[in-house]
Amino acid sequence: MIFPGLFISRNFSKRFPFFWSSGKCGNFSMTILFILLVLNPQTSFSYTVLAGDESTQEKPYNPQRLRWVAGVHVAGFTGSMLLLNEAWYKDHPRSSFHFHDDLLDWKQMDKGGHIISAYHLSRFSHYSFRWAGLNNRQSAIWGSISGNLFLATIEILDGFSEEWGASWSDFAANITGSASFYFQQVYWQEQKITWKYSFSRSGLEEYRPDLLGSNLPENMLKDYNGITYWLSFNLHSLLNQPESIPPWLNISAGYGAYGMLGSISNPASHNGEPLPHVDRYRSFYLAPDIDYSRIKSHSEVLQTIFTALNFIKFPAPALEYNQVQGFRFHWIFF
């Protein structure tokens, strides 16, 4: 489901630094999510499962497919953990298992990364089990367990690292993401409310490229100042499918933060150079959105692309409220 350990090298972290987050390996899960969604290997079940109507179409149980799906899950899980250990934990001192409270870091933006990762990893794992012929409830259970187990294992590895420690708030965020997928899929048999991600460059990355990233791929994963997390509500489905509302039309509520040159507070200088004073504040957004998975296409390739991209917020006009500037309107916000 992800990448096998075949691709691990001793210099992996130097060759691909954007895999590792600004504080610890919290954004490793976001990186894996990007890889899974962009390079999804299970495209053969795309039209019937990814079309968005998989909950109403029972497929015959296929033991061979289930063994294949289970094998890919195990290989992906094992390879990812080996990769993570080789590229991150291997060169850091170990300790006995302990917890570290990071709830106040980054104005909780890193928790949004955990939630959205757990949600979409559970979603795609669910699709794979549906393709193997498990029913909607079984697939939702195993998909949610799979997504949460993967992220929980990363937290446990953190717990044995002397420099960091496991985080109860990370565990809670992981469970929130998986649970938000599971309960919708079981009780509604569809995803009426979707977690989404968007990014635009903050302009602060130039002051702390070591922390916020030195290029666009790194910035998209590490610079929380430019990231916005969204809850996207499908109006057609939530309002009992009125004909006047297109099935793909959503309204999204977003959360972001700005001014963070450090996790909890901003340092006065970095590498001997003074840093500018920047106000740290939270932002809240309201904007229209599109549920790509509800755009019907007769093309299997297009349907797969639409559904795979459904973790990205559609650029649109947005109303913002933040703690410094008050209300602001953006003609296009991404």
C-alpha atoms as a PDB file:
ATOM      1  CA  MET A   1       0.000   0.000   0.000  1.00  0.00           C
ATOM      2  CA  ILE A   2       2.923   2.371   0.560  1.00  0.00           C
ATOM      3  CA  PHE A   3       6.579   1.673  -0.257  1.00  0.00           C
ATOM      4  CA  PRO A   4       8.515  -1.507   0.490  1.00  0.00           C
ATOM      5  CA  GLY A   5      11.761  -1.431   2.410  1.00  0.00           C
ATOM      6  CA  LEU A   6      13.528  -2.158  -0.877  1.00  0.00           C
ATOM      7  CA  PHE A   7      13.975   1.588  -1.413  1.00  0.00           C
ATOM      8  CA  ILE A   8      15.646   2.325   1.920  1.00  0.00           C
ATOM      9  CA  SER A   9      19.197   3.647   1.915  1.00  0.00           C
ATOM     10  CA  ARG A  10      21.483   4.852   4.668  1.00  0.00           C
ATOM     11  CA  ASN A  11      21.450   8.379   3.220  1.00  0.00           C
ATOM     12  CA  PHE A  12      17.702   8.516   2.625  1.00  0.00           C
ATOM     13  CA  SER A  13      17.108  11.409   5.009  1.00  0.00           C
ATOM     14  CA  LYS A  14      19.806  13.476   3.295  1.00  0.00           C
ATOM     15  CA  ARG A  15      18.482  12.748  -0.178  1.00  0.00           C
ATOM     16  CA  PHE A  16      14.830  13.345   0.732  1.00  0.00           C
ATOM     17  CA  PRO A  17      14.831  15.813   3.657  1.00  0.00           C
ATOM     18  CA  PHE A  18      11.216  16.868   2.993  1.00  0.00           C
ATOM     19  CA  PHE A  19      10.090  13.561   4.551  1.00  0.00           C
ATOM     20  CA  TRP A  20      10.902  14.777   8.039  1.00  0.00           C
ATOM     21  CA  SER A  21       8.955  17.360   9.981  1.00  0.00           C
ATOM     22  CA  SER A  22      10.198  20.481  11.658  1.00  0.00           C
ATOM     23  CA  GLY A  23       9.909  19.125  15.180  1.00  0.00           C
ATOM     24  CA  LYS A  24      10.023  15.341  14.861  1.00  0.00           C
ATOM     25  CA  CYS A  25       8.664  12.808  12.381  1.00  0.00           C
ATOM     26  CA  GLY A  26       5.017  13.864  12.661  1.00  0.00           C
ATOM     27  CA  ASN A  27       4.848  14.834   9.001  1.00  0.00           C
ATOM     28  CA  PHE A  28       6.172  11.448   7.910  1.00  0.00           C
ATOM     29  CA  SER A  29       2.534  10.354   7.920  1.00  0.00           C
ATOM     30  CA  MET A  30       1.575  13.300   5.685  1.00  0.00           C
ATOM     31  CA  THR A  31       4.389  12.367   3.299  1.00  0.00           C
ATOM     32  CA  ILE A  32       3.168   8.779   3.121  1.00  0.00           C
ATOM     33  CA  LEU A  33      -0.340  10.089   2.493  1.00  0.00           C
ATOM     34  CA  PHE A  34       0.852  12.192  -0.459  1.00  0.00           C
ATOM     35  CA  ILE A  35       2.672   9.186  -1.914  1.00  0.00           C
ATOM     36  CA  LEU A  36      -0.332   6.925  -1.450  1.00  0.00           C
ATOM     37  CA  LEU A  37      -2.778   9.348  -3.029  1.00  0.00           C
ATOM     38  CA  VAL A  38      -0.579  10.322  -5.961  1.00  0.00           C
ATOM     39  CA  LEU A  39       0.936   6.909  -6.676  1.00  0.00           C
ATOM     40  CA  ASN A  40      -1.973   4.712  -5.614  1.00  0.00           C
ATOM     41  CA  PRO A  41      -1.096   1.213  -6.907  1.00  0.00           C
ATOM     42  CA  GLN A  42      -4.617  -0.168  -6.584  1.00  0.00           C
ATOM     43  CA  THR A  43      -6.112   1.655  -9.559  1.00  0.00           C
ATOM     44  CA  SER A  44      -7.710  -1.526 -10.894  1.00  0.00           C
ATOM     45  CA  PHE A  45     -10.627  -1.141  -8.488  1.00  0.00           C
ATOM     46  CA  SER A  46     -11.016   2.550  -9.248  1.00  0.00           C
ATOM     47  CA  TYR A  47     -14.268   2.837 -11.168  1.00  0.00           C
ATOM     48  CA  THR A  48     -16.578   0.661  -9.084  1.00  0.00           C
ATOM     49  CA  VAL A  49     -15.028   1.512  -5.723  1.00  0.00           C
ATOM     50  CA  LEU A  50     -13.585   4.986  -6.114  1.00  0.00           C
ATOM     51  CA  ALA A  51     -16.654   6.248  -7.961  1.00  0.00           C
ATOM     52  CA  GLY A  52     -18.229   7.040  -4.612  1.00  0.00           C
ATOM     53  CA  ASP A  53     -21.048   4.452  -4.786  1.00  0.00           C
ATOM     54  CA  GLU A  54     -19.099   1.532  -3.375  1.00  0.00           C
ATOM     55  CA  SER A  55     -21.229   1.342  -0.232  1.00  0.00           C
ATOM     56  CA  THR A  56     -24.331   0.391  -2.207  1.00  0.00           C
ATOM     57  CA  GLN A  57     -22.700  -2.112  -4.545  1.00  0.00           C
ATOM     58  CA  GLU A  58     -21.814  -5.361  -2.798  1.00  0.00           C
ATOM     59  CA  LYS A  59     -18.984  -7.190  -4.525  1.00  0.00           C
ATOM     60  CA  PRO A  60     -18.417 -10.939  -4.246  1.00  0.00           C
ATOM     61  CA  TYR A  61     -15.873 -11.994  -1.670  1.00  0.00           C
ATOM     62  CA  ASN A  62     -12.566 -12.752  -3.379  1.00  0.00           C
ATOM     63  CA  PRO A  63     -10.051 -14.617  -1.159  1.00  0.00           C
ATOM     64  CA  GLN A  64      -7.237 -14.138  -3.651  1.00  0.00           C
ATOM     65  CA  ARG A  65      -7.747 -10.382  -3.720  1.00  0.00           C
ATOM     66  CA  LEU A  66      -7.998 -10.268   0.076  1.00  0.00           C
ATOM     67  CA  ARG A  67      -4.673 -12.109   0.415  1.00  0.00           C
ATOM     68  CA  TRP A  68      -3.130  -9.673  -2.037  1.00  0.00           C
ATOM     69  CA  VAL A  69      -4.511  -6.661  -0.145  1.00  0.00           C
ATOM     70  CA  ALA A  70      -3.352  -8.072   3.210  1.00  0.00           C
ATOM     71  CA  GLY A  71       0.106  -8.753   1.796  1.00  0.00           C
ATOM     72  CA  VAL A  72       0.419  -5.234   0.409  1.00  0.00           C
ATOM     73  CA  HIS A  73      -0.695  -3.779   3.751  1.00  0.00           C
ATOM     74  CA  VAL A  74       1.874  -5.846   5.666  1.00  0.00           C
ATOM     75  CA  ALA A  75       4.667  -5.105   3.186  1.00  0.00           C
ATOM     76  CA  GLY A  76       3.839  -1.408   3.112  1.00  0.00           C
ATOM     77  CA  PHE A  77       3.618  -1.192   6.893  1.00  0.00           C
ATOM     78  CA  THR A  78       6.881  -3.083   7.425  1.00  0.00           C
ATOM     79  CA  GLY A  79       8.756  -1.210   4.716  1.00  0.00           C
ATOM     80  CA  SER A  80       7.581   2.172   5.990  1.00  0.00           C
ATOM     81  CA  MET A  81       8.644   1.400   9.543  1.00  0.00           C
ATOM     82  CA  LEU A  82      12.055   0.203   8.364  1.00  0.00           C
ATOM     83  CA  LEU A  83      12.426   3.315   6.254  1.00  0.00           C
ATOM     84  CA  LEU A  84      11.456   5.543   9.160  1.00  0.00           C
ATOM     85  CA  ASN A  85      13.852   3.801  11.538  1.00  0.00           C
ATOM     86  CA  GLU A  86      16.736   3.970   9.056  1.00  0.00           C
ATOM     87  CA  ALA A  87      16.257   7.571   8.047  1.00  0.00           C
ATOM     88  CA  TRP A  88      15.200   9.084  11.368  1.00  0.00           C
ATOM     89  CA  TYR A  89      15.493   7.112  14.615  1.00  0.00           C
ATOM     90  CA  LYS A  90      18.689   5.236  13.833  1.00  0.00           C
ATOM     91  CA  ASP A  91      20.967   8.228  14.436  1.00  0.00           C
ATOM     92  CA  HIS A  92      19.168   9.496  17.538  1.00  0.00           C
ATOM     93  CA  PRO A  93      19.605   8.153  21.093  1.00  0.00           C
ATOM     94  CA  ARG A  94      16.995   5.697  22.363  1.00  0.00           C
ATOM     95  CA  SER A  95      15.402   5.630  25.800  1.00  0.00           C
ATOM     96  CA  SER A  96      12.786   3.797  27.796  1.00  0.00           C
ATOM     97  CA  PHE A  97       9.234   4.450  26.639  1.00  0.00           C
ATOM     98  CA  HIS A  98       7.946   7.846  27.762  1.00  0.00           C
ATOM     99  CA  PHE A  99       5.435  10.545  26.843  1.00  0.00           C
ATOM    100  CA  HIS A 100       6.008  14.149  25.811  1.00  0.00           C
ATOM    101  CA  ASP A 101       3.227  16.749  25.816  1.00  0.00           C
ATOM    102  CA  ASP A 102       3.397  18.706  22.547  1.00  0.00           C
ATOM    103  CA  LEU A 103      -0.204  19.936  22.544  1.00  0.00           C
ATOM    104  CA  LEU A 104       0.852  23.610  22.571  1.00  0.00           C
ATOM    105  CA  ASP A 105       3.281  23.279  19.646  1.00  0.00           C
ATOM    106  CA  TRP A 106       2.531  25.031  16.335  1.00  0.00           C
ATOM    107  CA  LYS A 107      -0.876  26.227  17.575  1.00  0.00           C
ATOM    108  CA  GLN A 108      -2.119  22.635  17.138  1.00  0.00           C
ATOM    109  CA  MET A 109      -1.511  22.700  13.367  1.00  0.00           C
ATOM    110  CA  ASP A 110       0.465  19.450  13.591  1.00  0.00           C
ATOM    111  CA  LYS A 111      -2.633  17.791  15.064  1.00  0.00           C
ATOM    112  CA  GLY A 112      -4.469  18.670  11.880  1.00  0.00           C
ATOM    113  CA  GLY A 113      -1.802  16.747   9.976  1.00  0.00           C
ATOM    114  CA  HIS A 114      -2.432  13.705  12.130  1.00  0.00           C
ATOM    115  CA  ILE A 115      -6.202  13.936  11.681  1.00  0.00           C
ATOM    116  CA  ILE A 116      -6.154  14.314   7.909  1.00  0.00           C
ATOM    117  CA  SER A 117      -3.532  11.568   7.515  1.00  0.00           C
ATOM    118  CA  ALA A 118      -5.520   9.099   9.625  1.00  0.00           C
ATOM    119  CA  TYR A 119      -8.747   9.975   7.796  1.00  0.00           C
ATOM    120  CA  HIS A 120      -7.429   9.458   4.281  1.00  0.00           C
ATOM    121  CA  LEU A 121      -5.224   6.473   5.092  1.00  0.00           C
ATOM    122  CA  SER A 122      -8.342   4.837   6.552  1.00  0.00           C
ATOM    123  CA  ARG A 123     -10.332   5.850   3.469  1.00  0.00           C
ATOM    124  CA  PHE A 124      -7.933   4.304   0.990  1.00  0.00           C
ATOM    125  CA  SER A 125      -7.430   1.204   3.091  1.00  0.00           C
ATOM    126  CA  HIS A 126     -11.224   0.846   3.157  1.00  0.00           C
ATOM    127  CA  TYR A 127     -11.315   1.028  -0.648  1.00  0.00           C
ATOM    128  CA  SER A 128      -8.807  -1.798  -0.917  1.00  0.00           C
ATOM    129  CA  PHE A 129     -10.847  -4.078   1.359  1.00  0.00           C
ATOM    130  CA  ARG A 130     -14.020  -3.268  -0.599  1.00  0.00           C
ATOM    131  CA  TRP A 131     -12.175  -4.268  -3.769  1.00  0.00           C
ATOM    132  CA  ALA A 132     -11.394  -7.610  -2.100  1.00  0.00           C
ATOM    133  CA  GLY A 133     -15.119  -8.195  -1.499  1.00  0.00           C
ATOM    134  CA  LEU A 134     -15.574  -7.319   2.177  1.00  0.00           C
ATOM    135  CA  ASN A 135     -18.832  -5.533   2.881  1.00  0.00           C
ATOM    136  CA  ASN A 136     -19.061  -1.856   3.747  1.00  0.00           C
ATOM    137  CA  ARG A 137     -18.972  -2.285   7.545  1.00  0.00           C
ATOM    138  CA  GLN A 138     -16.121  -4.810   7.491  1.00  0.00           C
ATOM    139  CA  SER A 139     -14.083  -2.636   5.142  1.00  0.00           C
ATOM    140  CA  ALA A 140     -14.692   0.460   7.265  1.00  0.00           C
ATOM    141  CA  ILE A 141     -13.560  -1.354  10.415  1.00  0.00           C
ATOM    142  CA  TRP A 142     -10.393  -2.823   8.901  1.00  0.00           C
ATOM    143  CA  GLY A 143      -9.613   0.330   6.959  1.00  0.00           C
ATOM    144  CA  SER A 144      -9.843   2.446  10.112  1.00  0.00           C
ATOM    145  CA  ILE A 145      -7.784  -0.024  12.134  1.00  0.00           C
ATOM    146  CA  SER A 146      -5.146  -0.129   9.415  1.00  0.00           C
ATOM    147  CA  GLY A 147      -4.828   3.647   9.128  1.00  0.00           C
ATOM    148  CA  ASN A 148      -4.749   4.166  12.881  1.00  0.00           C
ATOM    149  CA  LEU A 149      -2.345   1.301  13.559  1.00  0.00           C
ATOM    150  CA  PHE A 150       0.166   2.737  11.106  1.00  0.00           C
ATOM    151  CA  LEU A 151       0.161   6.155  12.773  1.00  0.00           C
ATOM    152  CA  ALA A 152       0.061   4.713  16.307  1.00  0.00           C
ATOM    153  CA  THR A 153       3.221   2.750  15.554  1.00  0.00           C
ATOM    154  CA  ILE A 154       5.008   5.990  14.671  1.00  0.00           C
ATOM    155  CA  GLU A 155       3.950   7.414  18.039  1.00  0.00           C
ATOM    156  CA  ILE A 156       5.281   4.344  19.830  1.00  0.00           C
ATOM    157  CA  LEU A 157       8.616   4.738  18.051  1.00  0.00           C
ATOM    158  CA  ASP A 158       8.619   8.367  19.197  1.00  0.00           C
ATOM    159  CA  GLY A 159       8.058   7.103  22.729  1.00  0.00           C
ATOM    160  CA  PHE A 160      11.329   5.183  22.637  1.00  0.00           C
ATOM    161  CA  SER A 161      13.282   8.185  21.342  1.00  0.00           C
ATOM    162  CA  GLU A 162      15.129  10.151  24.004  1.00  0.00           C
ATOM    163  CA  GLU A 163      14.690  13.434  22.146  1.00  0.00           C
ATOM    164  CA  TRP A 164      10.911  13.303  21.689  1.00  0.00           C
ATOM    165  CA  GLY A 165       8.414  10.934  23.290  1.00  0.00           C
ATOM    166  CA  ALA A 166       4.943   9.668  22.489  1.00  0.00           C
ATOM    167  CA  SER A 167       2.148  12.219  22.542  1.00  0.00           C
ATOM    168  CA  TRP A 168      -1.334  11.595  23.927  1.00  0.00           C
ATOM    169  CA  SER A 169      -2.671  14.450  21.785  1.00  0.00           C
ATOM    170  CA  ASP A 170      -1.202  12.813  18.662  1.00  0.00           C
ATOM    171  CA  PHE A 171      -2.879   9.530  19.573  1.00  0.00           C
ATOM    172  CA  ALA A 172      -6.152  11.405  20.057  1.00  0.00           C
ATOM    173  CA  ALA A 173      -5.785  13.199  16.699  1.00  0.00           C
ATOM    174  CA  ASN A 174      -5.111   9.891  14.924  1.00  0.00           C
ATOM    175  CA  ILE A 175      -8.211   8.340  16.465  1.00  0.00           C
ATOM    176  CA  THR A 176     -10.271  11.415  15.552  1.00  0.00           C
ATOM    177  CA  GLY A 177      -9.286  11.101  11.900  1.00  0.00           C
ATOM    178  CA  SER A 178      -9.999   7.380  11.644  1.00  0.00           C
ATOM    179  CA  ALA A 179     -13.206   7.644  13.674  1.00  0.00           C
ATOM    180  CA  SER A 180     -14.546  10.471  11.505  1.00  0.00           C
ATOM    181  CA  PHE A 181     -14.147   8.207   8.482  1.00  0.00           C
ATOM    182  CA  TYR A 182     -15.509   5.074  10.189  1.00  0.00           C
ATOM    183  CA  PHE A 183     -18.726   6.507  11.630  1.00  0.00           C
ATOM    184  CA  GLN A 184     -19.691   8.252   8.418  1.00  0.00           C
ATOM    185  CA  GLN A 185     -19.023   5.165   6.340  1.00  0.00           C
ATOM    186  CA  VAL A 186     -20.971   2.858   8.657  1.00  0.00           C
ATOM    187  CA  TYR A 187     -23.950   5.085   9.487  1.00  0.00           C
ATOM    188  CA  TRP A 188     -24.249   7.119   6.285  1.00  0.00           C
ATOM    189  CA  GLN A 189     -22.519   4.687   3.920  1.00  0.00           C
ATOM    190  CA  GLU A 190     -20.770   7.675   2.376  1.00  0.00           C
ATOM    191  CA  GLN A 191     -18.481  10.541   3.334  1.00  0.00           C
ATOM    192  CA  LYS A 192     -20.639  13.634   3.688  1.00  0.00           C
ATOM    193  CA  ILE A 193     -17.902  15.511   5.581  1.00  0.00           C
ATOM    194  CA  THR A 194     -14.321  15.297   4.300  1.00  0.00           C
ATOM    195  CA  TRP A 195     -11.027  16.455   5.768  1.00  0.00           C
ATOM    196  CA  LYS A 196      -8.978  18.464   3.267  1.00  0.00           C
ATOM    197  CA  TYR A 197      -5.632  20.238   2.898  1.00  0.00           C
ATOM    198  CA  SER A 198      -4.447  23.355   1.095  1.00  0.00           C
ATOM    199  CA  PHE A 199      -1.183  25.280   0.941  1.00  0.00           C
ATOM    200  CA  SER A 200       0.165  28.635  -0.200  1.00  0.00           C
ATOM    201  CA  ARG A 201       3.643  29.939   0.504  1.00  0.00           C
ATOM    202  CA  SER A 202       3.757  31.986   3.705  1.00  0.00           C
ATOM    203  CA  GLY A 203       6.854  34.070   2.965  1.00  0.00           C
ATOM    204  CA  LEU A 204       8.329  33.061   6.332  1.00  0.00           C
ATOM    205  CA  GLU A 205      10.243  30.068   5.013  1.00  0.00           C
ATOM    206  CA  GLU A 206      13.167  32.290   3.996  1.00  0.00           C
ATOM    207  CA  TYR A 207      13.903  33.089   7.657  1.00  0.00           C
ATOM    208  CA  ARG A 208      14.004  29.468   8.889  1.00  0.00           C
ATOM    209  CA  PRO A 209      14.595  27.147   5.897  1.00  0.00           C
ATOM    210  CA  ASP A 210      16.028  24.547   8.262  1.00  0.00           C
ATOM    211  CA  LEU A 211      12.725  24.445  10.124  1.00  0.00           C
ATOM    212  CA  LEU A 212      10.135  25.427   7.510  1.00  0.00           C
ATOM    213  CA  GLY A 213      11.731  23.960   4.392  1.00  0.00           C
ATOM    214  CA  SER A 214      14.110  25.184   1.710  1.00  0.00           C
ATOM    215  CA  ASN A 215      12.019  24.284  -1.358  1.00  0.00           C
ATOM    216  CA  LEU A 216       8.351  23.898  -2.276  1.00  0.00           C
ATOM    217  CA  PRO A 217       7.950  20.159  -1.456  1.00  0.00           C
ATOM    218  CA  GLU A 218       9.515  20.761   1.968  1.00  0.00           C
ATOM    219  CA  ASN A 219       7.407  23.877   2.553  1.00  0.00           C
ATOM    220  CA  MET A 220       4.193  21.985   1.761  1.00  0.00           C
ATOM    221  CA  LEU A 221       4.911  19.531   4.566  1.00  0.00           C
ATOM    222  CA  LYS A 222       6.867  21.572   7.106  1.00  0.00           C
ATOM    223  CA  ASP A 223       5.691  25.185   6.950  1.00  0.00           C
ATOM    224  CA  TYR A 224       2.536  25.246   9.052  1.00  0.00           C
ATOM    225  CA  ASN A 225       2.253  28.984   8.344  1.00  0.00           C
ATOM    226  CA  GLY A 226       1.152  28.192   4.796  1.00  0.00           C
ATOM    227  CA  ILE A 227      -1.013  25.142   5.482  1.00  0.00           C
ATOM    228  CA  THR A 228      -4.774  25.253   6.001  1.00  0.00           C
ATOM    229  CA  TYR A 229      -6.863  22.275   7.136  1.00  0.00           C
ATOM    230  CA  TRP A 230     -10.517  22.121   6.146  1.00  0.00           C
ATOM    231  CA  LEU A 231     -13.722  20.321   7.028  1.00  0.00           C
ATOM    232  CA  SER A 232     -15.638  20.137   3.758  1.00  0.00           C
ATOM    233  CA  PHE A 233     -19.421  19.589   3.981  1.00  0.00           C
ATOM    234  CA  ASN A 234     -21.336  18.185   0.998  1.00  0.00           C
ATOM    235  CA  LEU A 235     -24.513  20.268   0.776  1.00  0.00           C
ATOM    236  CA  HIS A 236     -26.371  17.972  -1.610  1.00  0.00           C
ATOM    237  CA  SER A 237     -26.039  14.977   0.685  1.00  0.00           C
ATOM    238  CA  LEU A 238     -26.479  16.753   4.019  1.00  0.00           C
ATOM    239  CA  LEU A 239     -29.653  18.538   2.809  1.00  0.00           C
ATOM    240  CA  ASN A 240     -31.325  15.316   1.609  1.00  0.00           C
ATOM    241  CA  GLN A 241     -30.288  15.673  -2.033  1.00  0.00           C
ATOM    242  CA  PRO A 242     -32.323  18.634  -3.319  1.00  0.00           C
ATOM    243  CA  GLU A 243     -32.271  18.929  -7.110  1.00  0.00           C
ATOM    244  CA  SER A 244     -31.337  22.614  -6.886  1.00  0.00           C
ATOM    245  CA  ILE A 245     -27.911  21.835  -5.383  1.00  0.00           C
ATOM    246  CA  PRO A 246     -25.235  20.117  -7.539  1.00  0.00           C
ATOM    247  CA  PRO A 247     -24.025  16.820  -6.004  1.00  0.00           C
ATOM    248  CA  TRP A 248     -20.415  18.029  -6.056  1.00  0.00           C
ATOM    249  CA  LEU A 249     -20.948  21.374  -4.252  1.00  0.00           C
ATOM    250  CA  ASN A 250     -19.414  21.662  -0.767  1.00  0.00           C
ATOM    251  CA  ILE A 251     -18.963  24.381   1.832  1.00  0.00           C
ATOM    252  CA  SER A 252     -15.703  24.262   3.807  1.00  0.00           C
ATOM    253  CA  ALA A 253     -14.599  25.575   7.190  1.00  0.00           C
ATOM    254  CA  GLY A 254     -10.845  26.029   7.483  1.00  0.00           C
ATOM    255  CA  TYR A 255      -8.249  26.505  10.218  1.00  0.00           C
ATOM    256  CA  GLY A 256      -4.730  27.871   9.892  1.00  0.00           C
ATOM    257  CA  ALA A 257      -2.071  29.760  11.833  1.00  0.00           C
ATOM    258  CA  TYR A 258       0.613  32.279  10.959  1.00  0.00           C
ATOM    259  CA  GLY A 259       3.743  33.910  12.363  1.00  0.00           C
ATOM    260  CA  MET A 260       5.352  30.747  13.704  1.00  0.00           C
ATOM    261  CA  LEU A 261       9.160  30.816  13.447  1.00  0.00           C
ATOM    262  CA  GLY A 262       9.362  28.336  16.296  1.00  0.00           C
ATOM    263  CA  SER A 263       7.098  25.649  17.677  1.00  0.00           C
ATOM    264  CA  ILE A 264       5.881  27.473  20.809  1.00  0.00           C
ATOM    265  CA  SER A 265       7.513  30.907  20.578  1.00  0.00           C
ATOM    266  CA  ASN A 266       9.641  32.794  18.073  1.00  0.00           C
ATOM    267  CA  PRO A 267      13.384  33.113  18.714  1.00  0.00           C
ATOM    268  CA  ALA A 268      15.010  36.537  18.426  1.00  0.00           C
ATOM    269  CA  SER A 269      17.751  35.240  16.142  1.00  0.00           C
ATOM    270  CA  HIS A 270      18.830  32.224  14.115  1.00  0.00           C
ATOM    271  CA  ASN A 271      22.416  31.266  13.254  1.00  0.00           C
ATOM    272  CA  GLY A 272      23.556  34.622  14.553  1.00  0.00           C
ATOM    273  CA  GLU A 273      21.148  36.579  12.352  1.00  0.00           C
ATOM    274  CA  PRO A 274      18.269  38.575  13.890  1.00  0.00           C
ATOM    275  CA  LEU A 275      14.760  37.434  13.044  1.00  0.00           C
ATOM    276  CA  PRO A 276      11.923  39.910  12.427  1.00  0.00           C
ATOM    277  CA  HIS A 277       9.096  40.268  14.903  1.00  0.00           C
ATOM    278  CA  VAL A 278       6.061  38.437  13.565  1.00  0.00           C
ATOM    279  CA  ASP A 279       2.708  38.208  15.330  1.00  0.00           C
ATOM    280  CA  ARG A 280       1.607  34.633  15.964  1.00  0.00           C
ATOM    281  CA  TYR A 281      -2.117  34.172  15.381  1.00  0.00           C
ATOM    282  CA  ARG A 282      -4.837  31.745  14.336  1.00  0.00           C
ATOM    283  CA  SER A 283      -7.055  32.122  11.262  1.00  0.00           C
ATOM    284  CA  PHE A 284     -10.503  30.737  10.484  1.00  0.00           C
ATOM    285  CA  TYR A 285     -11.992  30.457   7.000  1.00  0.00           C
ATOM    286  CA  LEU A 286     -15.272  29.843   5.209  1.00  0.00           C
ATOM    287  CA  ALA A 287     -15.237  29.003   1.497  1.00  0.00           C
ATOM    288  CA  PRO A 288     -17.061  27.017  -1.202  1.00  0.00           C
ATOM    289  CA  ASP A 289     -15.467  23.772  -2.278  1.00  0.00           C
ATOM    290  CA  ILE A 290     -15.847  20.851  -4.654  1.00  0.00           C
ATOM    291  CA  ASP A 291     -16.173  17.163  -3.778  1.00  0.00           C
ATOM    292  CA  TYR A 292     -14.178  15.749  -6.682  1.00  0.00           C
ATOM    293  CA  SER A 293     -15.316  12.193  -5.948  1.00  0.00           C
ATOM    294  CA  ARG A 294     -18.916  13.170  -6.797  1.00  0.00           C
ATOM    295  CA  ILE A 295     -18.006  14.380 -10.282  1.00  0.00           C
ATOM    296  CA  LYS A 296     -19.128  11.438 -12.393  1.00  0.00           C
ATOM    297  CA  SER A 297     -17.055  10.382 -15.374  1.00  0.00           C
ATOM    298  CA  HIS A 298     -17.194   7.439 -17.763  1.00  0.00           C
ATOM    299  CA  SER A 299     -13.402   7.420 -17.754  1.00  0.00           C
ATOM    300  CA  GLU A 300     -11.899   5.070 -15.172  1.00  0.00           C
ATOM    301  CA  VAL A 301      -8.691   7.107 -15.144  1.00  0.00           C
ATOM    302  CA  LEU A 302     -10.475  10.404 -14.547  1.00  0.00           C
ATOM    303  CA  GLN A 303     -12.671   8.896 -11.827  1.00  0.00           C
ATOM    304  CA  THR A 304      -9.578   7.610 -10.045  1.00  0.00           C
ATOM    305  CA  ILE A 305      -7.860  10.992 -10.316  1.00  0.00           C
ATOM    306  CA  PHE A 306     -10.940  12.851  -9.028  1.00  0.00           C
ATOM    307  CA  THR A 307     -11.252  10.641  -5.963  1.00  0.00           C
ATOM    308  CA  ALA A 308      -7.524  10.526  -5.231  1.00  0.00           C
ATOM    309  CA  LEU A 309      -7.416  14.335  -5.280  1.00  0.00           C
ATOM    310  CA  ASN A 310     -10.316  14.671  -2.867  1.00  0.00           C
ATOM    311  CA  PHE A 311      -7.947  15.493  -0.014  1.00  0.00           C
ATOM    312  CA  ILE A 312      -7.117  18.848  -1.669  1.00  0.00           C
ATOM    313  CA  LYS A 313      -9.291  21.925  -1.089  1.00  0.00           C
ATOM    314  CA  PHE A 314     -10.434  23.572  -4.322  1.00  0.00           C
ATOM    315  CA  PRO A 315      -9.124  27.177  -4.750  1.00  0.00           C
ATOM    316  CA  ALA A 316     -12.058  29.545  -4.284  1.00  0.00           C
ATOM    317  CA  PRO A 317     -13.111  32.881  -2.750  1.00  0.00           C
ATOM    318  CA  ALA A 318     -12.876  32.769   1.039  1.00  0.00           C
ATOM    319  CA  LEU A 319     -13.876  34.778   4.084  1.00  0.00           C
ATOM    320  CA  GLU A 320     -11.157  34.870   6.757  1.00  0.00           C
ATOM    321  CA  TYR A 321     -11.197  35.904  10.383  1.00  0.00           C
ATOM    322  CA  ASN A 322      -7.939  36.138  12.279  1.00  0.00           C
ATOM    323  CA  GLN A 323      -6.949  37.449  15.670  1.00  0.00           C
ATOM    324  CA  VAL A 324      -4.866  40.360  14.349  1.00  0.00           C
ATOM    325  CA  GLN A 325      -6.571  41.712  11.216  1.00  0.00           C
ATOM    326  CA  GLY A 326     -10.163  40.737  11.918  1.00  0.00           C
ATOM    327  CA  PHE A 327     -12.301  39.887   8.888  1.00  0.00           C
ATOM    328  CA  ARG A 328     -10.670  39.691   5.433  1.00  0.00           C
ATOM    329  CA  PHE A 329     -12.004  38.613   2.047  1.00  0.00           C
ATOM    330  CA  HIS A 330      -9.883  36.720  -0.478  1.00  0.00           C
ATOM    331  CA  TRP A 331     -11.008  36.593  -4.106  1.00  0.00           C
ATOM    332  CA  ILE A 332      -9.066  33.325  -4.430  1.00  0.00           C
ATOM    333  CA  PHE A 333      -7.644  31.452  -1.466  1.00  0.00           C
ATOM    334  CA  PHE A 334      -5.729  28.206  -1.530  1.00  0.00           C
END
